[in-house]
Amino acid sequence: MAKILVVDDDVEFGKAFSKLLSGEGHETSVALDTSEGLSLLKKGSFDLVFADLSLPGENGIALLQNVKRDLPGLPVVIITAFGDWDTYATAIEKGANKFINKPVKKEEVLQVIRDILG
């Protein structure tokens, strides 16, 4: 299965999301902000990143831009509780592979993983 990085400042969401993914056989790591996420990306090899839009310090779009610059082949999915059309368009324009609204639905997340990773 896939090695997935989850970047979300909501500790409880991160735990629950990681549990959902690991329950499907994926290996997960969780970071609480952009800086920690980028540090984990430099240390390891990941197949996919799920990044919250609203993060302390640099937001999920900044994380997305860093990933696309440094690891252009790594897919990134933006997740948010505060999505609107402009935010969605910006994320896609900056290179996000998908955009998911919170609360996330298990089947939607699993379908996104299948769509991106095959």
N, C-alpha and C. Protein backbone atom coordinates (compact mmCIF):
# COMPACT_ATOMS: atom_id res chain seq x y z
N MET A 1 0.83 -1.20 0.00
CA MET A 1 0.00 0.00 0.00
C MET A 1 0.87 1.25 0.00
N ALA A 2 0.25 2.41 0.23
CA ALA A 2 0.96 3.68 0.07
C ALA A 2 1.51 4.21 1.39
N LYS A 3 2.55 5.02 1.27
CA LYS A 3 3.10 5.76 2.40
C LYS A 3 2.56 7.19 2.27
N ILE A 4 1.76 7.61 3.26
CA ILE A 4 1.01 8.86 3.16
C ILE A 4 1.38 9.80 4.30
N LEU A 5 1.62 11.06 3.96
CA LEU A 5 1.84 12.11 4.94
C LEU A 5 0.57 12.92 5.11
N VAL A 6 0.15 13.10 6.35
CA VAL A 6 -1.02 13.91 6.68
C VAL A 6 -0.50 15.14 7.43
N VAL A 7 -0.81 16.34 6.92
CA VAL A 7 -0.39 17.58 7.57
C VAL A 7 -1.65 18.32 7.99
N ASP A 8 -1.90 18.34 9.31
CA ASP A 8 -3.09 18.98 9.85
C ASP A 8 -2.82 19.38 11.28
N ASP A 9 -3.15 20.62 11.64
CA ASP A 9 -2.88 21.11 12.99
C ASP A 9 -3.90 20.63 14.02
N ASP A 10 -4.98 20.01 13.59
CA ASP A 10 -5.97 19.45 14.50
C ASP A 10 -5.50 18.04 14.88
N VAL A 11 -4.98 17.90 16.09
CA VAL A 11 -4.39 16.64 16.53
C VAL A 11 -5.39 15.50 16.45
N GLU A 12 -6.61 15.74 16.89
CA GLU A 12 -7.63 14.69 16.87
C GLU A 12 -7.99 14.27 15.44
N PHE A 13 -8.11 15.25 14.55
CA PHE A 13 -8.37 14.92 13.15
C PHE A 13 -7.22 14.10 12.58
N GLY A 14 -5.99 14.54 12.86
CA GLY A 14 -4.82 13.82 12.37
C GLY A 14 -4.80 12.37 12.82
N LYS A 15 -5.12 12.15 14.09
CA LYS A 15 -5.16 10.78 14.61
C LYS A 15 -6.25 9.97 13.93
N ALA A 16 -7.44 10.54 13.81
CA ALA A 16 -8.56 9.83 13.20
C ALA A 16 -8.30 9.53 11.73
N PHE A 17 -7.75 10.52 11.01
CA PHE A 17 -7.47 10.36 9.59
C PHE A 17 -6.38 9.31 9.39
N SER A 18 -5.36 9.35 10.23
CA SER A 18 -4.28 8.37 10.16
C SER A 18 -4.82 6.97 10.44
N LYS A 19 -5.71 6.86 11.41
CA LYS A 19 -6.32 5.56 11.74
C LYS A 19 -7.14 5.03 10.55
N LEU A 20 -7.90 5.92 9.90
CA LEU A 20 -8.66 5.53 8.72
C LEU A 20 -7.73 4.96 7.65
N LEU A 21 -6.63 5.68 7.39
CA LEU A 21 -5.70 5.26 6.34
C LEU A 21 -4.96 3.98 6.71
N SER A 22 -4.50 3.89 7.95
CA SER A 22 -3.76 2.69 8.36
C SER A 22 -4.70 1.49 8.41
N GLY A 23 -5.97 1.70 8.69
CA GLY A 23 -6.95 0.63 8.67
C GLY A 23 -7.14 0.04 7.28
N GLU A 24 -6.75 0.81 6.26
CA GLU A 24 -6.82 0.34 4.87
C GLU A 24 -5.47 -0.17 4.38
N GLY A 25 -4.51 -0.27 5.31
CA GLY A 25 -3.21 -0.84 4.97
C GLY A 25 -2.14 0.17 4.60
N HIS A 26 -2.44 1.46 4.69
CA HIS A 26 -1.45 2.48 4.34
C HIS A 26 -0.57 2.81 5.54
N GLU A 27 0.65 3.19 5.26
CA GLU A 27 1.57 3.66 6.30
C GLU A 27 1.45 5.17 6.36
N THR A 28 1.22 5.71 7.57
CA THR A 28 1.00 7.15 7.67
C THR A 28 1.97 7.81 8.64
N SER A 29 2.24 9.07 8.35
CA SER A 29 2.96 9.96 9.26
C SER A 29 2.11 11.21 9.36
N VAL A 30 2.12 11.85 10.53
CA VAL A 30 1.32 13.05 10.74
C VAL A 30 2.22 14.19 11.17
N ALA A 31 2.04 15.35 10.54
CA ALA A 31 2.73 16.58 10.90
C ALA A 31 1.69 17.62 11.29
N LEU A 32 2.05 18.51 12.22
CA LEU A 32 1.09 19.49 12.72
C LEU A 32 1.17 20.85 12.04
N ASP A 33 2.19 21.06 11.22
CA ASP A 33 2.30 22.33 10.49
C ASP A 33 3.16 22.15 9.25
N THR A 34 3.23 23.19 8.45
CA THR A 34 3.97 23.13 7.18
C THR A 34 5.44 22.81 7.40
N SER A 35 6.05 23.44 8.38
CA SER A 35 7.47 23.23 8.64
C SER A 35 7.76 21.76 8.98
N GLU A 36 6.96 21.19 9.87
CA GLU A 36 7.13 19.79 10.25
C GLU A 36 6.87 18.87 9.05
N GLY A 37 5.86 19.20 8.27
CA GLY A 37 5.55 18.41 7.09
C GLY A 37 6.70 18.40 6.09
N LEU A 38 7.27 19.57 5.83
CA LEU A 38 8.39 19.65 4.88
C LEU A 38 9.61 18.90 5.42
N SER A 39 9.81 18.96 6.73
CA SER A 39 10.92 18.23 7.35
C SER A 39 10.75 16.72 7.16
N LEU A 40 9.54 16.21 7.38
CA LEU A 40 9.28 14.79 7.18
C LEU A 40 9.46 14.39 5.71
N LEU A 41 9.06 15.28 4.80
CA LEU A 41 9.23 14.99 3.37
C LEU A 41 10.69 14.89 2.98
N LYS A 42 11.54 15.70 3.62
CA LYS A 42 12.98 15.64 3.32
C LYS A 42 13.61 14.36 3.86
N LYS A 43 13.06 13.85 4.97
CA LYS A 43 13.64 12.67 5.61
C LYS A 43 13.18 11.35 5.00
N GLY A 44 11.98 11.34 4.43
CA GLY A 44 11.43 10.08 3.96
C GLY A 44 10.88 10.16 2.56
N SER A 45 10.41 9.02 2.10
CA SER A 45 9.82 8.92 0.78
C SER A 45 8.32 8.66 0.94
N PHE A 46 7.51 9.52 0.37
CA PHE A 46 6.06 9.39 0.48
C PHE A 46 5.44 9.25 -0.91
N ASP A 47 4.28 8.60 -0.94
CA ASP A 47 3.54 8.42 -2.18
C ASP A 47 2.46 9.47 -2.37
N LEU A 48 2.02 10.11 -1.26
CA LEU A 48 0.89 11.03 -1.30
C LEU A 48 0.90 11.90 -0.06
N VAL A 49 0.44 13.15 -0.22
CA VAL A 49 0.31 14.08 0.90
C VAL A 49 -1.13 14.58 0.97
N PHE A 50 -1.70 14.52 2.17
CA PHE A 50 -2.96 15.19 2.46
C PHE A 50 -2.60 16.38 3.34
N ALA A 51 -2.94 17.60 2.91
CA ALA A 51 -2.58 18.80 3.66
C ALA A 51 -3.80 19.66 3.93
N ASP A 52 -3.97 20.03 5.18
CA ASP A 52 -5.04 20.95 5.54
C ASP A 52 -4.73 22.33 4.97
N LEU A 53 -5.75 23.03 4.56
CA LEU A 53 -5.56 24.37 4.02
C LEU A 53 -5.14 25.35 5.11
N SER A 54 -5.77 25.26 6.28
CA SER A 54 -5.51 26.20 7.38
C SER A 54 -4.51 25.59 8.35
N LEU A 55 -3.28 26.03 8.25
CA LEU A 55 -2.22 25.57 9.12
C LEU A 55 -1.57 26.76 9.81
N PRO A 56 -1.03 26.58 11.01
CA PRO A 56 -0.31 27.68 11.65
C PRO A 56 0.94 28.03 10.86
N GLY A 57 1.31 29.29 10.86
CA GLY A 57 2.47 29.71 10.06
C GLY A 57 2.07 29.72 8.60
N GLU A 58 2.82 29.00 7.79
CA GLU A 58 2.49 28.90 6.36
C GLU A 58 1.32 27.94 6.17
N ASN A 59 0.39 28.31 5.31
CA ASN A 59 -0.82 27.49 5.12
C ASN A 59 -0.58 26.33 4.15
N GLY A 60 -1.64 25.58 3.90
CA GLY A 60 -1.55 24.41 3.03
C GLY A 60 -1.15 24.74 1.59
N ILE A 61 -1.51 25.93 1.12
CA ILE A 61 -1.11 26.33 -0.24
C ILE A 61 0.40 26.53 -0.30
N ALA A 62 0.98 27.11 0.77
CA ALA A 62 2.44 27.26 0.82
C ALA A 62 3.12 25.89 0.84
N LEU A 63 2.56 24.96 1.61
CA LEU A 63 3.10 23.61 1.63
C LEU A 63 3.02 23.00 0.23
N LEU A 64 1.87 23.14 -0.40
CA LEU A 64 1.66 22.63 -1.76
C LEU A 64 2.72 23.19 -2.72
N GLN A 65 2.94 24.49 -2.66
CA GLN A 65 3.92 25.11 -3.57
C GLN A 65 5.33 24.58 -3.32
N ASN A 66 5.69 24.39 -2.05
CA ASN A 66 7.00 23.83 -1.72
C ASN A 66 7.14 22.41 -2.25
N VAL A 67 6.10 21.60 -2.08
CA VAL A 67 6.14 20.22 -2.56
C VAL A 67 6.28 20.20 -4.08
N LYS A 68 5.48 21.01 -4.77
CA LYS A 68 5.51 21.02 -6.23
C LYS A 68 6.85 21.52 -6.77
N ARG A 69 7.52 22.39 -6.02
CA ARG A 69 8.83 22.89 -6.43
C ARG A 69 9.92 21.83 -6.17
N ASP A 70 9.89 21.22 -4.98
CA ASP A 70 10.97 20.31 -4.57
C ASP A 70 10.73 18.85 -4.95
N LEU A 71 9.47 18.44 -5.00
CA LEU A 71 9.11 17.05 -5.31
C LEU A 71 7.95 17.07 -6.30
N PRO A 72 8.20 17.53 -7.53
CA PRO A 72 7.11 17.79 -8.47
C PRO A 72 6.21 16.60 -8.80
N GLY A 73 6.69 15.39 -8.63
CA GLY A 73 5.86 14.23 -8.94
C GLY A 73 5.00 13.74 -7.79
N LEU A 74 5.16 14.35 -6.61
CA LEU A 74 4.43 13.90 -5.43
C LEU A 74 3.03 14.50 -5.41
N PRO A 75 1.98 13.66 -5.43
CA PRO A 75 0.61 14.17 -5.41
C PRO A 75 0.24 14.78 -4.06
N VAL A 76 -0.50 15.88 -4.11
CA VAL A 76 -0.97 16.57 -2.90
C VAL A 76 -2.48 16.76 -3.00
N VAL A 77 -3.16 16.39 -1.91
CA VAL A 77 -4.60 16.61 -1.79
C VAL A 77 -4.81 17.63 -0.68
N ILE A 78 -5.52 18.70 -0.99
CA ILE A 78 -5.83 19.73 0.01
C ILE A 78 -7.16 19.36 0.67
N ILE A 79 -7.18 19.44 2.01
CA ILE A 79 -8.40 19.21 2.77
C ILE A 79 -8.71 20.45 3.59
N THR A 80 -10.00 20.78 3.72
CA THR A 80 -10.36 21.98 4.47
C THR A 80 -11.80 21.93 4.94
N ALA A 81 -12.04 22.64 6.02
CA ALA A 81 -13.41 22.82 6.51
C ALA A 81 -13.98 24.12 5.98
N PHE A 82 -13.15 24.92 5.33
CA PHE A 82 -13.57 26.27 4.92
C PHE A 82 -13.40 26.50 3.43
N GLY A 83 -13.75 25.51 2.63
CA GLY A 83 -13.55 25.61 1.20
C GLY A 83 -14.61 26.44 0.50
N ASP A 84 -14.19 27.18 -0.48
CA ASP A 84 -15.11 27.88 -1.37
C ASP A 84 -14.51 27.78 -2.78
N TRP A 85 -15.22 28.29 -3.76
CA TRP A 85 -14.78 28.15 -5.14
C TRP A 85 -13.41 28.78 -5.38
N ASP A 86 -13.17 29.98 -4.85
CA ASP A 86 -11.89 30.64 -5.06
C ASP A 86 -10.74 29.85 -4.45
N THR A 87 -10.96 29.31 -3.26
CA THR A 87 -9.93 28.51 -2.60
C THR A 87 -9.65 27.25 -3.40
N TYR A 88 -10.72 26.61 -3.86
CA TYR A 88 -10.58 25.40 -4.68
C TYR A 88 -9.78 25.73 -5.95
N ALA A 89 -10.15 26.79 -6.63
CA ALA A 89 -9.48 27.17 -7.88
C ALA A 89 -8.00 27.47 -7.64
N THR A 90 -7.69 28.17 -6.54
CA THR A 90 -6.30 28.48 -6.22
C THR A 90 -5.50 27.21 -5.97
N ALA A 91 -6.08 26.29 -5.20
CA ALA A 91 -5.37 25.04 -4.89
C ALA A 91 -5.08 24.24 -6.16
N ILE A 92 -6.06 24.14 -7.03
CA ILE A 92 -5.87 23.39 -8.28
C ILE A 92 -4.86 24.09 -9.17
N GLU A 93 -4.96 25.42 -9.25
CA GLU A 93 -4.02 26.22 -10.06
C GLU A 93 -2.58 26.04 -9.58
N LYS A 94 -2.40 25.90 -8.27
CA LYS A 94 -1.06 25.75 -7.70
C LYS A 94 -0.55 24.31 -7.76
N GLY A 95 -1.40 23.39 -8.24
CA GLY A 95 -0.92 22.03 -8.45
C GLY A 95 -1.55 20.94 -7.60
N ALA A 96 -2.56 21.27 -6.79
CA ALA A 96 -3.21 20.22 -6.00
C ALA A 96 -3.86 19.20 -6.93
N ASN A 97 -3.74 17.94 -6.58
CA ASN A 97 -4.35 16.89 -7.38
C ASN A 97 -5.85 16.77 -7.12
N LYS A 98 -6.23 17.03 -5.89
CA LYS A 98 -7.65 16.98 -5.49
C LYS A 98 -7.86 17.95 -4.34
N PHE A 99 -9.14 18.19 -4.04
CA PHE A 99 -9.55 19.10 -2.97
C PHE A 99 -10.72 18.41 -2.27
N ILE A 100 -10.60 18.17 -0.96
CA ILE A 100 -11.65 17.49 -0.20
C ILE A 100 -12.12 18.40 0.92
N ASN A 101 -13.43 18.49 1.08
CA ASN A 101 -13.99 19.27 2.18
C ASN A 101 -14.17 18.40 3.42
N LYS A 102 -13.94 19.02 4.59
CA LYS A 102 -14.23 18.39 5.87
C LYS A 102 -15.70 18.64 6.18
N PRO A 103 -16.38 17.77 6.87
CA PRO A 103 -15.85 16.50 7.36
C PRO A 103 -15.63 15.53 6.20
N VAL A 104 -14.49 14.85 6.25
CA VAL A 104 -14.16 13.92 5.17
C VAL A 104 -15.03 12.67 5.28
N LYS A 105 -15.29 12.09 4.15
CA LYS A 105 -16.04 10.83 4.09
C LYS A 105 -15.07 9.73 3.68
N LYS A 106 -15.10 8.63 4.41
CA LYS A 106 -14.17 7.53 4.19
C LYS A 106 -14.13 7.10 2.73
N GLU A 107 -15.29 6.86 2.14
CA GLU A 107 -15.30 6.39 0.75
C GLU A 107 -14.71 7.42 -0.22
N GLU A 108 -14.95 8.70 0.04
CA GLU A 108 -14.38 9.74 -0.81
C GLU A 108 -12.85 9.72 -0.72
N VAL A 109 -12.33 9.61 0.50
CA VAL A 109 -10.88 9.58 0.70
C VAL A 109 -10.28 8.36 0.00
N LEU A 110 -10.89 7.20 0.18
CA LEU A 110 -10.37 5.99 -0.45
C LEU A 110 -10.44 6.07 -1.97
N GLN A 111 -11.50 6.69 -2.50
CA GLN A 111 -11.60 6.86 -3.95
C GLN A 111 -10.53 7.81 -4.47
N VAL A 112 -10.25 8.88 -3.73
CA VAL A 112 -9.20 9.82 -4.12
C VAL A 112 -7.86 9.09 -4.18
N ILE A 113 -7.58 8.27 -3.18
CA ILE A 113 -6.31 7.52 -3.17
C ILE A 113 -6.25 6.59 -4.38
N ARG A 114 -7.34 5.90 -4.67
CA ARG A 114 -7.36 5.00 -5.84
C ARG A 114 -7.18 5.79 -7.13
N ASP A 115 -7.85 6.94 -7.25
CA ASP A 115 -7.74 7.77 -8.45
C ASP A 115 -6.32 8.24 -8.69
N ILE A 116 -5.64 8.64 -7.60
CA ILE A 116 -4.31 9.22 -7.73
C ILE A 116 -3.23 8.15 -7.87
N LEU A 117 -3.32 7.11 -7.05
CA LEU A 117 -2.25 6.13 -7.01
C LEU A 117 -2.51 4.87 -7.83
N GLY A 118 -3.75 4.74 -8.30
CA GLY A 118 -4.08 3.60 -9.15
C GLY A 118 -4.46 2.35 -8.39
